[in-house]
C-alpha atoms as a PDB file:
ATOM      1  CA  MET A   1       0.000   0.000   0.000  1.00  0.00           C
ATOM      2  CA  ALA A   2       2.798   2.415   0.874  1.00  0.00           C
ATOM      3  CA  GLU A   3       4.474   1.766  -2.457  1.00  0.00           C
ATOM      4  CA  GLN A   4       1.234   2.379  -4.339  1.00  0.00           C
ATOM      5  CA  ARG A   5       0.811   5.692  -2.507  1.00  0.00           C
ATOM      6  CA  LYS A   6       4.352   6.666  -3.359  1.00  0.00           C
ATOM      7  CA  LYS A   7       3.756   5.831  -7.024  1.00  0.00           C
ATOM      8  CA  LYS A   8       0.521   7.802  -7.017  1.00  0.00           C
ATOM      9  CA  GLY A   9       2.304  10.747  -5.371  1.00  0.00           C
ATOM     10  CA  LYS A  10       5.050  10.652  -8.011  1.00  0.00           C
ATOM     11  CA  GLY A  11       2.446  10.410 -10.787  1.00  0.00           C
ATOM     12  CA  LYS A  12       0.637  13.428  -9.408  1.00  0.00           C
ATOM     13  CA  LYS A  13       3.885  15.413  -9.250  1.00  0.00           C
ATOM     14  CA  VAL A  14       4.739  14.518 -12.855  1.00  0.00           C
ATOM     15  CA  LEU A  15       1.214  15.395 -13.962  1.00  0.00           C
ATOM     16  CA  LYS A  16       1.400  18.708 -12.102  1.00  0.00           C
ATOM     17  CA  GLY A  17       4.777  19.416 -13.708  1.00  0.00           C
ATOM     18  CA  ILE A  18       3.400  18.665 -17.176  1.00  0.00           C
ATOM     19  CA  LEU A  19       0.331  20.807 -16.543  1.00  0.00           C
ATOM     20  CA  ALA A  20       2.532  23.647 -15.246  1.00  0.00           C
ATOM     21  CA  LEU A  21       4.755  23.390 -18.331  1.00  0.00           C
ATOM     22  CA  ILE A  22       1.713  23.427 -20.658  1.00  0.00           C
ATOM     23  CA  LEU A  23       0.323  26.406 -18.768  1.00  0.00           C
ATOM     24  CA  VAL A  24       3.626  28.285 -19.122  1.00  0.00           C
ATOM     25  CA  LEU A  25       3.732  27.496 -22.856  1.00  0.00           C
ATOM     26  CA  VAL A  26       0.110  28.632 -23.277  1.00  0.00           C
ATOM     27  CA  ILE A  27       0.889  31.873 -21.431  1.00  0.00           C
ATOM     28  CA  ILE A  28       4.019  32.488 -23.590  1.00  0.00           C
ATOM     29  CA  VAL A  29       2.269  31.679 -26.874  1.00  0.00           C
ATOM     30  CA  GLY A  30      -0.849  33.601 -25.840  1.00  0.00           C
ATOM     31  CA  GLY A  31       1.218  36.614 -24.795  1.00  0.00           C
ATOM     32  CA  PHE A  32       3.147  36.503 -28.073  1.00  0.00           C
ATOM     33  CA  ILE A  33      -0.065  36.320 -30.135  1.00  0.00           C
ATOM     34  CA  LEU A  34      -1.600  39.108 -28.047  1.00  0.00           C
ATOM     35  CA  GLY A  35       1.532  41.222 -28.579  1.00  0.00           C
ATOM     36  CA  ILE A  36       1.272  40.674 -32.350  1.00  0.00           C
ATOM     37  CA  TYR A  37      -2.443  41.513 -32.313  1.00  0.00           C
ATOM     38  CA  LEU A  38      -1.877  44.703 -30.317  1.00  0.00           C
ATOM     39  CA  ARG A  39       1.170  45.479 -32.510  1.00  0.00           C
ATOM     40  CA  ILE A  40       3.486  45.635 -29.515  1.00  0.00           C
ATOM     41  CA  PHE A  41       6.074  43.600 -31.433  1.00  0.00           C
ATOM     42  CA  ASP A  42       7.471  44.475 -34.858  1.00  0.00           C
ATOM     43  CA  THR A  43       6.564  41.166 -36.452  1.00  0.00           C
ATOM     44  CA  GLN A  44       8.236  41.922 -39.765  1.00  0.00           C
ATOM     45  CA  THR A  45      11.610  42.588 -38.131  1.00  0.00           C
ATOM     46  CA  MET A  46      11.217  39.588 -35.821  1.00  0.00           C
ATOM     47  CA  ASN A  47      10.272  37.400 -38.757  1.00  0.00           C
ATOM     48  CA  GLU A  48      13.373  38.487 -40.688  1.00  0.00           C
ATOM     49  CA  LYS A  49      15.821  38.297 -37.740  1.00  0.00           C
ATOM     50  CA  LEU A  50      14.511  35.231 -35.860  1.00  0.00           C
ATOM     51  CA  GLY A  51      13.259  33.322 -38.905  1.00  0.00           C
ATOM     52  CA  LEU A  52       9.779  32.791 -37.487  1.00  0.00           C
ATOM     53  CA  TYR A  53       8.605  31.477 -40.875  1.00  0.00           C
ATOM     54  CA  ASN A  54      10.780  28.368 -40.301  1.00  0.00           C
ATOM     55  CA  MET A  55       9.334  27.527 -36.864  1.00  0.00           C
ATOM     56  CA  PRO A  56       6.722  24.786 -36.470  1.00  0.00           C
ATOM     57  CA  ILE A  57       3.106  25.821 -35.930  1.00  0.00           C
ATOM     58  CA  ILE A  58       3.931  29.563 -35.702  1.00  0.00           C
ATOM     59  CA  GLY A  59       5.668  29.506 -39.080  1.00  0.00           C
ATOM     60  CA  GLN A  60       2.402  29.034 -40.944  1.00  0.00           C
ATOM     61  CA  TYR A  61       1.369  32.549 -39.891  1.00  0.00           C
ATOM     62  CA  PHE A  62       4.491  34.171 -41.329  1.00  0.00           C
ATOM     63  CA  VAL A  63       5.633  34.566 -44.905  1.00  0.00           C
ATOM     64  CA  LYS A  64       9.236  34.218 -45.937  1.00  0.00           C
ATOM     65  CA  PRO A  65      10.505  37.726 -46.718  1.00  0.00           C
ATOM     66  CA  THR A  66      11.665  38.387 -50.263  1.00  0.00           C
ATOM     67  CA  PRO A  67      15.385  39.171 -50.522  1.00  0.00           C
ATOM     68  CA  LYS A  68      16.072  42.850 -51.049  1.00  0.00           C
ATOM     69  CA  GLU A  69      18.326  44.069 -53.832  1.00  0.00           C
ATOM     70  CA  PRO A  70      21.665  45.504 -52.676  1.00  0.00           C
ATOM     71  CA  ALA A  71      20.853  48.949 -54.073  1.00  0.00           C
ATOM     72  CA  GLU A  72      17.539  48.983 -52.209  1.00  0.00           C
ATOM     73  CA  GLN A  73      19.150  47.964 -48.917  1.00  0.00           C
ATOM     74  CA  GLU A  74      21.836  50.642 -49.099  1.00  0.00           C
ATOM     75  CA  GLN A  75      19.651  53.483 -50.358  1.00  0.00           C
ATOM     76  CA  PRO A  76      17.983  55.486 -47.554  1.00  0.00           C
ATOM     77  CA  ILE A  77      14.214  55.975 -47.625  1.00  0.00           C
ATOM     78  CA  GLU A  78      14.535  59.773 -48.002  1.00  0.00           C
ATOM     79  CA  ASP A  79      16.785  59.351 -51.057  1.00  0.00           C
ATOM     80  CA  LYS A  80      14.220  56.994 -52.598  1.00  0.00           C
ATOM     81  CA  LYS A  81      11.446  59.553 -52.057  1.00  0.00           C
ATOM     82  CA  VAL A  82      13.544  62.321 -53.649  1.00  0.00           C
ATOM     83  CA  GLU A  83      14.415  60.064 -56.590  1.00  0.00           C
ATOM     84  CA  ASP A  84      10.764  59.056 -57.118  1.00  0.00           C
ATOM     85  CA  THR A  85       9.682  62.726 -56.972  1.00  0.00           C
ATOM     86  CA  SER A  86      12.331  63.770 -59.506  1.00  0.00           C
ATOM     87  CA  LYS A  87      11.256  60.963 -61.849  1.00  0.00           C
ATOM     88  CA  GLN A  88       7.630  62.065 -61.595  1.00  0.00           C
ATOM     89  CA  LYS A  89       8.599  65.686 -62.315  1.00  0.00           C
ATOM     90  CA  GLN A  90      10.696  64.604 -65.303  1.00  0.00           C
ATOM     91  CA  LYS A  91       7.760  62.600 -66.623  1.00  0.00           C
ATOM     92  CA  GLN A  92       5.437  65.581 -66.179  1.00  0.00           C
ATOM     93  CA  LEU A  93       7.900  67.867 -68.006  1.00  0.00           C
ATOM     94  CA  THR A  94       8.179  65.362 -70.859  1.00  0.00           C
ATOM     95  CA  ILE A  95       4.405  65.190 -71.162  1.00  0.00           C
ATOM     96  CA  THR A  96       4.158  68.977 -71.008  1.00  0.00           C
ATOM     97  CA  LYS A  97       6.764  69.378 -73.764  1.00  0.00           C
ATOM     98  CA  ALA A  98       4.920  66.893 -75.974  1.00  0.00           C
ATOM     99  CA  GLU A  99       1.647  68.713 -75.339  1.00  0.00           C
ATOM    100  CA  LEU A 100       3.243  72.083 -76.184  1.00  0.00           C
ATOM    101  CA  GLU A 101       4.611  70.706 -79.456  1.00  0.00           C
ATOM    102  CA  LYS A 102       1.192  69.277 -80.281  1.00  0.00           C
ATOM    103  CA  GLN A 103      -0.505  72.603 -79.532  1.00  0.00           C
ATOM    104  CA  GLN A 104       2.099  74.449 -81.610  1.00  0.00           C
ATOM    105  CA  LYS A 105       1.469  72.165 -84.597  1.00  0.00           C
ATOM    106  CA  GLU A 106      -2.285  72.626 -84.221  1.00  0.00           C
ATOM    107  CA  ARG A 107      -1.881  76.419 -84.150  1.00  0.00           C
ATOM    108  CA  GLU A 108       0.341  76.354 -87.241  1.00  0.00           C
ATOM    109  CA  ALA A 109      -2.170  74.166 -89.096  1.00  0.00           C
ATOM    110  CA  GLU A 110      -4.978  76.543 -88.093  1.00  0.00           C
ATOM    111  CA  GLU A 111      -2.966  79.570 -89.277  1.00  0.00           C
ATOM    112  CA  LYS A 112      -2.305  77.905 -92.631  1.00  0.00           C
ATOM    113  CA  LYS A 113      -6.038  77.295 -93.049  1.00  0.00           C
ATOM    114  CA  HIS A 114      -6.781  80.965 -92.346  1.00  0.00           C
ATOM    115  CA  VAL A 115      -4.070  82.136 -94.764  1.00  0.00           C
ATOM    116  CA  LYS A 116      -5.358  79.793 -97.484  1.00  0.00           C
ATOM    117  CA  LYS A 117      -8.910  81.093 -96.974  1.00  0.00           C
ATOM    118  CA  LEU A 118      -7.724  84.716 -97.201  1.00  0.00           C
ATOM    119  CA  ALA A 119      -5.711  83.905-100.332  1.00  0.00           C
ATOM    120  CA  ASN A 120      -8.849  82.482-101.963  1.00  0.00           C
ATOM    121  CA  LEU A 121     -10.782  85.639-101.047  1.00  0.00           C
ATOM    122  CA  TYR A 122      -8.099  87.938-102.506  1.00  0.00           C
ATOM    123  CA  ASN A 123      -7.922  85.789-105.640  1.00  0.00           C
ATOM    124  CA  ALA A 124     -11.577  86.590-106.262  1.00  0.00           C
ATOM    125  CA  MET A 125     -11.053  90.366-105.843  1.00  0.00           C
ATOM    126  CA  LYS A 126      -9.840  92.901-108.363  1.00  0.00           C
ATOM    127  CA  PRO A 127      -6.042  93.349-108.133  1.00  0.00           C
ATOM    128  CA  ALA A 128      -6.356  97.039-107.148  1.00  0.00           C
ATOM    129  CA  ASP A 129      -8.877  96.267-104.385  1.00  0.00           C
ATOM    130  CA  ALA A 130      -6.805  93.338-103.157  1.00  0.00           C
ATOM    131  CA  ALA A 131      -3.662  95.532-103.102  1.00  0.00           C
ATOM    132  CA  SER A 132      -5.525  98.252-101.201  1.00  0.00           C
ATOM    133  CA  ALA A 133      -6.668  95.727 -98.567  1.00  0.00           C
ATOM    134  CA  LEU A 134      -3.278  93.993 -98.307  1.00  0.00           C
ATOM    135  CA  ASP A 135      -1.523  97.342 -97.933  1.00  0.00           C
ATOM    136  CA  THR A 136      -2.983  97.638 -94.426  1.00  0.00           C
ATOM    137  CA  LEU A 137      -1.428  94.328 -93.306  1.00  0.00           C
ATOM    138  CA  ASP A 138       2.136  93.781 -92.083  1.00  0.00           C
ATOM    139  CA  ASP A 139       4.690  92.540 -94.592  1.00  0.00           C
ATOM    140  CA  ASP A 140       4.935  88.996 -93.176  1.00  0.00           C
ATOM    141  CA  LEU A 141       1.218  88.262 -93.438  1.00  0.00           C
ATOM    142  CA  CYS A 142       1.057  89.978 -96.802  1.00  0.00           C
ATOM    143  CA  VAL A 143       3.824  87.711 -98.145  1.00  0.00           C
ATOM    144  CA  GLU A 144       2.148  84.572 -96.746  1.00  0.00           C
ATOM    145  CA  ILE A 145      -1.119  85.456 -98.485  1.00  0.00           C
ATOM    146  CA  LEU A 146       0.597  86.341-101.770  1.00  0.00           C
ATOM    147  CA  GLN A 147       2.459  83.019-101.780  1.00  0.00           C
ATOM    148  CA  LYS A 148      -0.852  81.142-101.434  1.00  0.00           C
ATOM    149  CA  MET A 149      -2.549  83.138-104.202  1.00  0.00           C
ATOM    150  CA  ASP A 150      -2.535  82.297-107.920  1.00  0.00           C
ATOM    151  CA  GLU A 151       0.696  83.551-109.482  1.00  0.00           C
ATOM    152  CA  ASP A 152      -1.046  85.737-112.077  1.00  0.00           C
ATOM    153  CA  GLN A 153      -3.257  87.395-109.465  1.00  0.00           C
ATOM    154  CA  ALA A 154      -0.314  87.795-107.057  1.00  0.00           C
ATOM    155  CA  ALA A 155       1.740  89.472-109.797  1.00  0.00           C
ATOM    156  CA  LYS A 156      -1.090  91.914-110.558  1.00  0.00           C
ATOM    157  CA  VAL A 157      -1.500  92.722-106.838  1.00  0.00           C
ATOM    158  CA  LEU A 158       2.263  93.269-106.438  1.00  0.00           C
ATOM    159  CA  SER A 159       2.300  95.659-109.357  1.00  0.00           C
ATOM    160  CA  ALA A 160      -0.523  97.664-107.718  1.00  0.00           C
ATOM    161  CA  PHE A 161       1.638  98.408-104.647  1.00  0.00           C
ATOM    162  CA  THR A 162       4.071 101.288-104.415  1.00  0.00           C
ATOM    163  CA  PRO A 163       7.479 100.449-105.908  1.00  0.00           C
ATOM    164  CA  GLU A 164       9.014 100.591-102.417  1.00  0.00           C
ATOM    165  CA  LYS A 165       6.574  98.046-100.987  1.00  0.00           C
ATOM    166  CA  THR A 166       6.771  95.851-104.082  1.00  0.00           C
ATOM    167  CA  GLY A 167      10.566  95.694-103.732  1.00  0.00           C
ATOM    168  CA  ARG A 168      10.349  94.991-100.013  1.00  0.00           C
ATOM    169  CA  LEU A 169       7.846  92.157-100.456  1.00  0.00           C
ATOM    170  CA  THR A 170       9.841  90.746-103.361  1.00  0.00           C
ATOM    171  CA  LYS A 171      12.920  90.543-101.109  1.00  0.00           C
ATOM    172  CA  LEU A 172      10.926  88.747 -98.419  1.00  0.00           C
ATOM    173  CA  ILE A 173       9.494  86.274-100.928  1.00  0.00           C
ATOM    174  CA  TYR A 174      12.982  85.683-102.356  1.00  0.00           C
ATOM    175  CA  ALA A 175      14.473  85.159 -98.873  1.00  0.00           C
ATOM    176  CA  GLY A 176      11.765  82.629 -98.110  1.00  0.00           C
ATOM    177  CA  LYS A 177      11.623  83.509 -94.409  1.00  0.00           C
ATOM    178  CA  LYS A 178      10.036  86.073 -92.139  1.00  0.00           C
ATOM    179  CA  GLN A 179      11.978  89.284 -91.720  1.00  0.00           C
ATOM    180  CA  LYS A 180       9.540  91.483 -89.923  1.00  0.00           C
ATOM    181  CA  VAL A 181       9.837  95.245 -90.517  1.00  0.00           C
ATOM    182  CA  GLN A 182       8.262  97.085 -87.620  1.00  0.00           C
ATOM    183  CA  SER A 183       7.922 100.673 -88.816  1.00  0.00           C
ATOM    184  CA  ALA A 184       8.957 103.229 -91.438  1.00  0.00           C
ATOM    185  CA  ALA A 185      11.548 104.638 -89.011  1.00  0.00           C
ATOM    186  CA  ASP A 186      13.157 101.213 -88.720  1.00  0.00           C
ATOM    187  CA  MET A 187      13.221 100.889 -92.504  1.00  0.00           C
ATOM    188  CA  ALA A 188      14.861 104.312 -92.854  1.00  0.00           C
ATOM    189  CA  GLN A 189      17.448 103.385 -90.237  1.00  0.00           C
ATOM    190  CA  GLU A 190      18.239 100.117 -92.004  1.00  0.00           C
ATOM    191  CA  ALA A 191      18.567 101.930 -95.349  1.00  0.00           C
ATOM    192  CA  GLU A 192      20.900 104.482 -93.738  1.00  0.00           C
ATOM    193  CA  GLN A 193      23.050 101.719 -92.263  1.00  0.00           C
ATOM    194  CA  GLU A 194      23.289  99.998 -95.634  1.00  0.00           C
ATOM    195  CA  GLN A 195      24.247 103.297 -97.327  1.00  0.00           C
ATOM    196  CA  ASN A 196      26.912 104.041 -94.698  1.00  0.00           C
ATOM    197  CA  ALA A 197      28.351 100.560 -95.148  1.00  0.00           C
ATOM    198  CA  ALA A 198      28.436 101.048 -98.919  1.00  0.00           C
ATOM    199  CA  ASN A 199      30.129 104.476 -98.617  1.00  0.00           C
ATOM    200  CA  GLN A 200      32.910 103.203 -96.377  1.00  0.00           C
ATOM    201  CA  PRO A 201      36.155 102.659 -98.326  1.00  0.00           C
ATOM    202  CA  ASN A 202      37.320  99.099 -98.649  1.00  0.00           C
ATOM    203  CA  PRO A 203      40.590  98.428 -96.740  1.00  0.00           C
END
């Protein structure tokens, strides 16, 4: 009987020890889970450093972290933000430049349509009337319209201008580019400069 009691006492002690161990494990695991739930622990850092994804039971709740590229690891977060912002700005500038070029082309196409329409109108007019109307326009626009008109009509309109204006427009047409003359004073100054250059003796 005494031996049986001793065995029972030992069995109870072992059982109590096992129960105490289970209770401690439950408290540890429960505390850990509670800490994760309340975000007391940085699970991502713990997962990477302790390798929680490899542990039994707990590992199923953690994903193996993807390896970072060396450039990403070394580059500070602030530098990444600055780099991303500069890339976005560069993209915006590129888009803006493309949009500006598109708008410029659209404006040029619209201007050509207007010039062509005006040329058709002046083609239908008498040369003297057309010359009288064109005389009020600046030289650049006048040349653009004349170049879009029928050659015969354009020649008649040119002959209806004053010799000075006819010569000026002829030079612009020959040059094939815009050389805007702002006023009569500017023209006189240019003529004076040309005359002075011609009068200077050659070295």
